[in-house]
Amino acid sequence: MTGQAPADLIVIKLLGLPLGLRQRATEHHEGLRREFQMLVEQGHVQPDSVPARLVSLAADVERRFESFAAAGRAELDEATRQGRTTADLMLAIPPGIGPAADQFKKMIAEADEYCAQGEHLLTLAAPPDVAAFIDWVLGELVRQSEGGDPIPWSDAAGASSAGWL
């Protein structure tokens, strides 16, 4: 994709995205979502609980942005198949991604706290590197949707290890 997008879309650039860490983050998120979905379906949690709110928010974000994210996932999957360790990804996506990503970022933090309590779940809170990666991706969606320049993962990871994120 070029750096251009139709007038009603913005371009988000995720630079130096670590593919192995992306895979681990994806697996963690999918496991957490499955467990939260089971808790909700089996009636083990209240409608205003962290699991119920995360399941609802994830479904809403997926419904609104899935068609825009699918091409990016396919591109990253192909880069992984090619044996690459990092990739630069450019997504043309509606500007509404910023507020949605910000809300999702806050919900993920709540979910990690919920997991740390150890009730009902097999899934633990995200490991620090996975949490930093998720924070970077969602933070880039928010920041760039507000007009900020992209921050490559390598810079963000350095800032994270220095305690800046």
C-alpha atoms as a PDB file:
ATOM      1  CA  MET A   1       0.000   0.000   0.000  1.00  0.00           C
ATOM      2  CA  THR A   2       1.171   3.522  -0.649  1.00  0.00           C
ATOM      3  CA  GLY A   3       1.024   6.198   2.016  1.00  0.00           C
ATOM      4  CA  GLN A   4      -2.253   7.481   0.509  1.00  0.00           C
ATOM      5  CA  ALA A   5      -5.778   6.622   1.608  1.00  0.00           C
ATOM      6  CA  PRO A   6      -9.219   7.625   0.395  1.00  0.00           C
ATOM      7  CA  ALA A   7     -10.423  10.905   1.903  1.00  0.00           C
ATOM      8  CA  ASP A   8     -12.576   9.174   4.527  1.00  0.00           C
ATOM      9  CA  LEU A   9      -9.713   6.947   5.735  1.00  0.00           C
ATOM     10  CA  ILE A  10      -6.429   7.630   7.506  1.00  0.00           C
ATOM     11  CA  VAL A  11      -3.145   5.737   7.145  1.00  0.00           C
ATOM     12  CA  ILE A  12      -1.740   4.120  10.273  1.00  0.00           C
ATOM     13  CA  LYS A  13       1.859   2.883  10.073  1.00  0.00           C
ATOM     14  CA  LEU A  14       3.137   0.190  12.392  1.00  0.00           C
ATOM     15  CA  LEU A  15       6.889   0.231  11.770  1.00  0.00           C
ATOM     16  CA  GLY A  16       9.213  -2.614  12.670  1.00  0.00           C
ATOM     17  CA  LEU A  17       6.360  -4.732  13.987  1.00  0.00           C
ATOM     18  CA  PRO A  18       7.921  -7.859  15.615  1.00  0.00           C
ATOM     19  CA  LEU A  19       6.176 -10.854  14.067  1.00  0.00           C
ATOM     20  CA  GLY A  20       6.982 -13.415  16.784  1.00  0.00           C
ATOM     21  CA  LEU A  21       5.739 -11.103  19.503  1.00  0.00           C
ATOM     22  CA  ARG A  22       2.639 -10.343  17.419  1.00  0.00           C
ATOM     23  CA  GLN A  23       1.927 -14.093  17.295  1.00  0.00           C
ATOM     24  CA  ARG A  24       2.277 -14.433  21.064  1.00  0.00           C
ATOM     25  CA  ALA A  25       0.044 -11.391  21.638  1.00  0.00           C
ATOM     26  CA  THR A  26      -2.568 -12.792  19.255  1.00  0.00           C
ATOM     27  CA  GLU A  27      -2.558 -16.171  21.009  1.00  0.00           C
ATOM     28  CA  HIS A  28      -2.873 -14.515  24.422  1.00  0.00           C
ATOM     29  CA  HIS A  29      -5.736 -12.275  23.308  1.00  0.00           C
ATOM     30  CA  GLU A  30      -7.600 -15.140  21.623  1.00  0.00           C
ATOM     31  CA  GLY A  31      -7.243 -17.337  24.714  1.00  0.00           C
ATOM     32  CA  LEU A  32      -8.463 -14.563  26.978  1.00  0.00           C
ATOM     33  CA  ARG A  33     -11.391 -13.781  24.710  1.00  0.00           C
ATOM     34  CA  ARG A  34     -12.416 -17.468  24.550  1.00  0.00           C
ATOM     35  CA  GLU A  35     -12.348 -17.782  28.332  1.00  0.00           C
ATOM     36  CA  PHE A  36     -14.234 -14.520  28.834  1.00  0.00           C
ATOM     37  CA  GLN A  37     -16.818 -15.615  26.243  1.00  0.00           C
ATOM     38  CA  MET A  38     -17.326 -18.917  28.113  1.00  0.00           C
ATOM     39  CA  LEU A  39     -17.790 -17.090  31.420  1.00  0.00           C
ATOM     40  CA  VAL A  40     -20.398 -14.840  29.833  1.00  0.00           C
ATOM     41  CA  GLU A  41     -22.250 -17.661  28.034  1.00  0.00           C
ATOM     42  CA  GLN A  42     -22.329 -19.840  31.158  1.00  0.00           C
ATOM     43  CA  GLY A  43     -23.636 -16.990  33.296  1.00  0.00           C
ATOM     44  CA  HIS A  44     -20.656 -16.996  35.673  1.00  0.00           C
ATOM     45  CA  VAL A  45     -20.219 -13.212  35.517  1.00  0.00           C
ATOM     46  CA  GLN A  46     -22.439 -10.150  35.801  1.00  0.00           C
ATOM     47  CA  PRO A  47     -23.286  -8.131  32.648  1.00  0.00           C
ATOM     48  CA  ASP A  48     -21.180  -5.198  33.911  1.00  0.00           C
ATOM     49  CA  SER A  49     -18.144  -7.376  34.746  1.00  0.00           C
ATOM     50  CA  VAL A  50     -14.771  -7.049  33.040  1.00  0.00           C
ATOM     51  CA  PRO A  51     -15.257 -10.260  30.996  1.00  0.00           C
ATOM     52  CA  ALA A  52     -18.716  -9.220  29.750  1.00  0.00           C
ATOM     53  CA  ARG A  53     -17.581  -5.701  28.870  1.00  0.00           C
ATOM     54  CA  LEU A  54     -14.449  -6.947  27.071  1.00  0.00           C
ATOM     55  CA  VAL A  55     -16.429  -9.501  25.039  1.00  0.00           C
ATOM     56  CA  SER A  56     -18.920  -6.810  24.054  1.00  0.00           C
ATOM     57  CA  LEU A  57     -16.242  -4.235  23.200  1.00  0.00           C
ATOM     58  CA  ALA A  58     -14.189  -6.745  21.183  1.00  0.00           C
ATOM     59  CA  ALA A  59     -17.276  -7.705  19.177  1.00  0.00           C
ATOM     60  CA  ASP A  60     -18.063  -4.044  18.504  1.00  0.00           C
ATOM     61  CA  VAL A  61     -14.505  -3.194  17.430  1.00  0.00           C
ATOM     62  CA  GLU A  62     -14.385  -6.288  15.230  1.00  0.00           C
ATOM     63  CA  ARG A  63     -17.709  -5.411  13.604  1.00  0.00           C
ATOM     64  CA  ARG A  64     -16.611  -1.838  12.882  1.00  0.00           C
ATOM     65  CA  PHE A  65     -13.007  -2.395  11.770  1.00  0.00           C
ATOM     66  CA  GLU A  66     -12.569  -6.052  10.754  1.00  0.00           C
ATOM     67  CA  SER A  67     -12.742  -5.415   7.010  1.00  0.00           C
ATOM     68  CA  PHE A  68      -9.945  -2.849   7.339  1.00  0.00           C
ATOM     69  CA  ALA A  69      -7.737  -5.055   9.515  1.00  0.00           C
ATOM     70  CA  ALA A  70      -8.060  -8.259   7.471  1.00  0.00           C
ATOM     71  CA  ALA A  71      -5.646  -7.161   4.744  1.00  0.00           C
ATOM     72  CA  GLY A  72      -3.064  -6.179   7.345  1.00  0.00           C
ATOM     73  CA  ARG A  73      -3.342  -9.550   9.082  1.00  0.00           C
ATOM     74  CA  ALA A  74      -2.908 -11.323   5.752  1.00  0.00           C
ATOM     75  CA  GLU A  75       0.190  -9.233   5.010  1.00  0.00           C
ATOM     76  CA  LEU A  76       1.705 -10.019   8.415  1.00  0.00           C
ATOM     77  CA  ASP A  77       0.872 -13.721   8.083  1.00  0.00           C
ATOM     78  CA  GLU A  78       2.645 -13.768   4.705  1.00  0.00           C
ATOM     79  CA  ALA A  79       5.700 -12.027   6.164  1.00  0.00           C
ATOM     80  CA  THR A  80       5.797 -14.676   8.897  1.00  0.00           C
ATOM     81  CA  ARG A  81       5.566 -17.487   6.310  1.00  0.00           C
ATOM     82  CA  GLN A  82       8.502 -15.892   4.487  1.00  0.00           C
ATOM     83  CA  GLY A  83      10.553 -16.169   7.669  1.00  0.00           C
ATOM     84  CA  ARG A  84      10.814 -12.452   8.319  1.00  0.00           C
ATOM     85  CA  THR A  85      11.099 -11.315  11.925  1.00  0.00           C
ATOM     86  CA  THR A  86       9.656  -7.811  11.480  1.00  0.00           C
ATOM     87  CA  ALA A  87       7.366  -6.009   9.064  1.00  0.00           C
ATOM     88  CA  ASP A  88       6.163  -2.511   8.345  1.00  0.00           C
ATOM     89  CA  LEU A  89       2.395  -2.376   8.083  1.00  0.00           C
ATOM     90  CA  MET A  90       0.309   0.429   6.647  1.00  0.00           C
ATOM     91  CA  LEU A  91      -3.431   0.332   7.257  1.00  0.00           C
ATOM     92  CA  ALA A  92      -6.041   2.575   5.651  1.00  0.00           C
ATOM     93  CA  ILE A  93      -8.691   2.753   8.330  1.00  0.00           C
ATOM     94  CA  PRO A  94     -11.511   5.062   9.485  1.00  0.00           C
ATOM     95  CA  PRO A  95     -10.438   7.828  11.875  1.00  0.00           C
ATOM     96  CA  GLY A  96     -12.847   6.389  14.469  1.00  0.00           C
ATOM     97  CA  ILE A  97     -10.181   3.789  15.194  1.00  0.00           C
ATOM     98  CA  GLY A  98      -8.487   6.172  17.631  1.00  0.00           C
ATOM     99  CA  PRO A  99     -11.271   6.403  20.217  1.00  0.00           C
ATOM    100  CA  ALA A 100     -12.071   2.687  19.787  1.00  0.00           C
ATOM    101  CA  ALA A 101      -8.403   1.735  20.309  1.00  0.00           C
ATOM    102  CA  ASP A 102      -8.181   3.974  23.368  1.00  0.00           C
ATOM    103  CA  GLN A 103     -11.245   2.329  24.883  1.00  0.00           C
ATOM    104  CA  PHE A 104      -9.876  -1.128  24.024  1.00  0.00           C
ATOM    105  CA  LYS A 105      -6.491  -0.248  25.572  1.00  0.00           C
ATOM    106  CA  LYS A 106      -8.190   0.671  28.858  1.00  0.00           C
ATOM    107  CA  MET A 107     -10.296  -2.491  28.753  1.00  0.00           C
ATOM    108  CA  ILE A 108      -7.200  -4.667  28.170  1.00  0.00           C
ATOM    109  CA  ALA A 109      -5.594  -3.126  31.259  1.00  0.00           C
ATOM    110  CA  GLU A 110      -8.719  -3.997  33.272  1.00  0.00           C
ATOM    111  CA  ALA A 111      -8.677  -7.513  31.836  1.00  0.00           C
ATOM    112  CA  ASP A 112      -5.054  -7.995  32.910  1.00  0.00           C
ATOM    113  CA  GLU A 113      -5.970  -6.877  36.439  1.00  0.00           C
ATOM    114  CA  TYR A 114      -8.904  -9.309  36.392  1.00  0.00           C
ATOM    115  CA  CYS A 115      -6.615 -12.142  35.259  1.00  0.00           C
ATOM    116  CA  ALA A 116      -4.112 -11.315  38.003  1.00  0.00           C
ATOM    117  CA  GLN A 117      -6.872 -11.905  40.592  1.00  0.00           C
ATOM    118  CA  GLY A 118      -6.985 -15.537  39.467  1.00  0.00           C
ATOM    119  CA  GLU A 119     -10.763 -15.994  39.591  1.00  0.00           C
ATOM    120  CA  HIS A 120     -12.445 -18.331  37.097  1.00  0.00           C
ATOM    121  CA  LEU A 121      -9.555 -18.241  34.576  1.00  0.00           C
ATOM    122  CA  LEU A 122      -6.722 -20.308  33.198  1.00  0.00           C
ATOM    123  CA  THR A 123      -5.348 -17.354  31.230  1.00  0.00           C
ATOM    124  CA  LEU A 124      -2.912 -15.208  33.162  1.00  0.00           C
ATOM    125  CA  ALA A 125      -2.229 -11.507  32.745  1.00  0.00           C
ATOM    126  CA  ALA A 126      -0.192 -10.788  29.624  1.00  0.00           C
ATOM    127  CA  PRO A 127       3.579 -11.191  30.042  1.00  0.00           C
ATOM    128  CA  PRO A 128       5.388  -7.819  30.128  1.00  0.00           C
ATOM    129  CA  ASP A 129       6.643  -7.996  26.529  1.00  0.00           C
ATOM    130  CA  VAL A 130       3.196  -8.946  25.212  1.00  0.00           C
ATOM    131  CA  ALA A 131       1.579  -6.177  27.282  1.00  0.00           C
ATOM    132  CA  ALA A 132       4.120  -3.648  25.947  1.00  0.00           C
ATOM    133  CA  PHE A 133       3.442  -4.784  22.366  1.00  0.00           C
ATOM    134  CA  ILE A 134      -0.336  -4.495  22.747  1.00  0.00           C
ATOM    135  CA  ASP A 135       0.096  -1.101  24.388  1.00  0.00           C
ATOM    136  CA  TRP A 136       2.298   0.031  21.479  1.00  0.00           C
ATOM    137  CA  VAL A 137      -0.121  -1.133  18.758  1.00  0.00           C
ATOM    138  CA  LEU A 138      -3.164   0.419  20.412  1.00  0.00           C
ATOM    139  CA  GLY A 139      -1.199   3.528  21.338  1.00  0.00           C
ATOM    140  CA  GLU A 140      -0.088   3.974  17.728  1.00  0.00           C
ATOM    141  CA  LEU A 141      -3.682   3.698  16.539  1.00  0.00           C
ATOM    142  CA  VAL A 142      -4.695   6.419  18.983  1.00  0.00           C
ATOM    143  CA  ARG A 143      -1.695   8.695  18.445  1.00  0.00           C
ATOM    144  CA  GLN A 144      -1.628   8.489  14.661  1.00  0.00           C
ATOM    145  CA  SER A 145      -5.396   8.932  14.380  1.00  0.00           C
ATOM    146  CA  GLU A 146      -4.829  12.220  16.225  1.00  0.00           C
ATOM    147  CA  GLY A 147      -2.152  13.266  13.693  1.00  0.00           C
ATOM    148  CA  GLY A 148       0.990  12.023  15.450  1.00  0.00           C
ATOM    149  CA  ASP A 149       3.944  10.557  13.558  1.00  0.00           C
ATOM    150  CA  PRO A 150       4.599   6.807  13.780  1.00  0.00           C
ATOM    151  CA  ILE A 151       6.944   5.552  16.484  1.00  0.00           C
ATOM    152  CA  PRO A 152       8.706   2.329  15.401  1.00  0.00           C
ATOM    153  CA  TRP A 153       8.505  -0.667  17.728  1.00  0.00           C
ATOM    154  CA  SER A 154      12.267  -0.516  18.320  1.00  0.00           C
ATOM    155  CA  ASP A 155      11.940   3.012  19.733  1.00  0.00           C
ATOM    156  CA  ALA A 156       8.847   2.135  21.768  1.00  0.00           C
ATOM    157  CA  ALA A 157      10.430  -1.063  23.113  1.00  0.00           C
ATOM    158  CA  GLY A 158      13.493   0.934  24.202  1.00  0.00           C
ATOM    159  CA  ALA A 159      11.269   3.505  25.885  1.00  0.00           C
ATOM    160  CA  SER A 160       9.276   0.724  27.545  1.00  0.00           C
ATOM    161  CA  SER A 161      12.370  -0.955  28.979  1.00  0.00           C
ATOM    162  CA  ALA A 162      13.516   2.446  30.275  1.00  0.00           C
ATOM    163  CA  GLY A 163      10.122   2.935  31.945  1.00  0.00           C
ATOM    164  CA  TRP A 164       8.854   5.619  29.538  1.00  0.00           C
ATOM    165  CA  LEU A 165       5.717   3.862  28.241  1.00  0.00           C
END
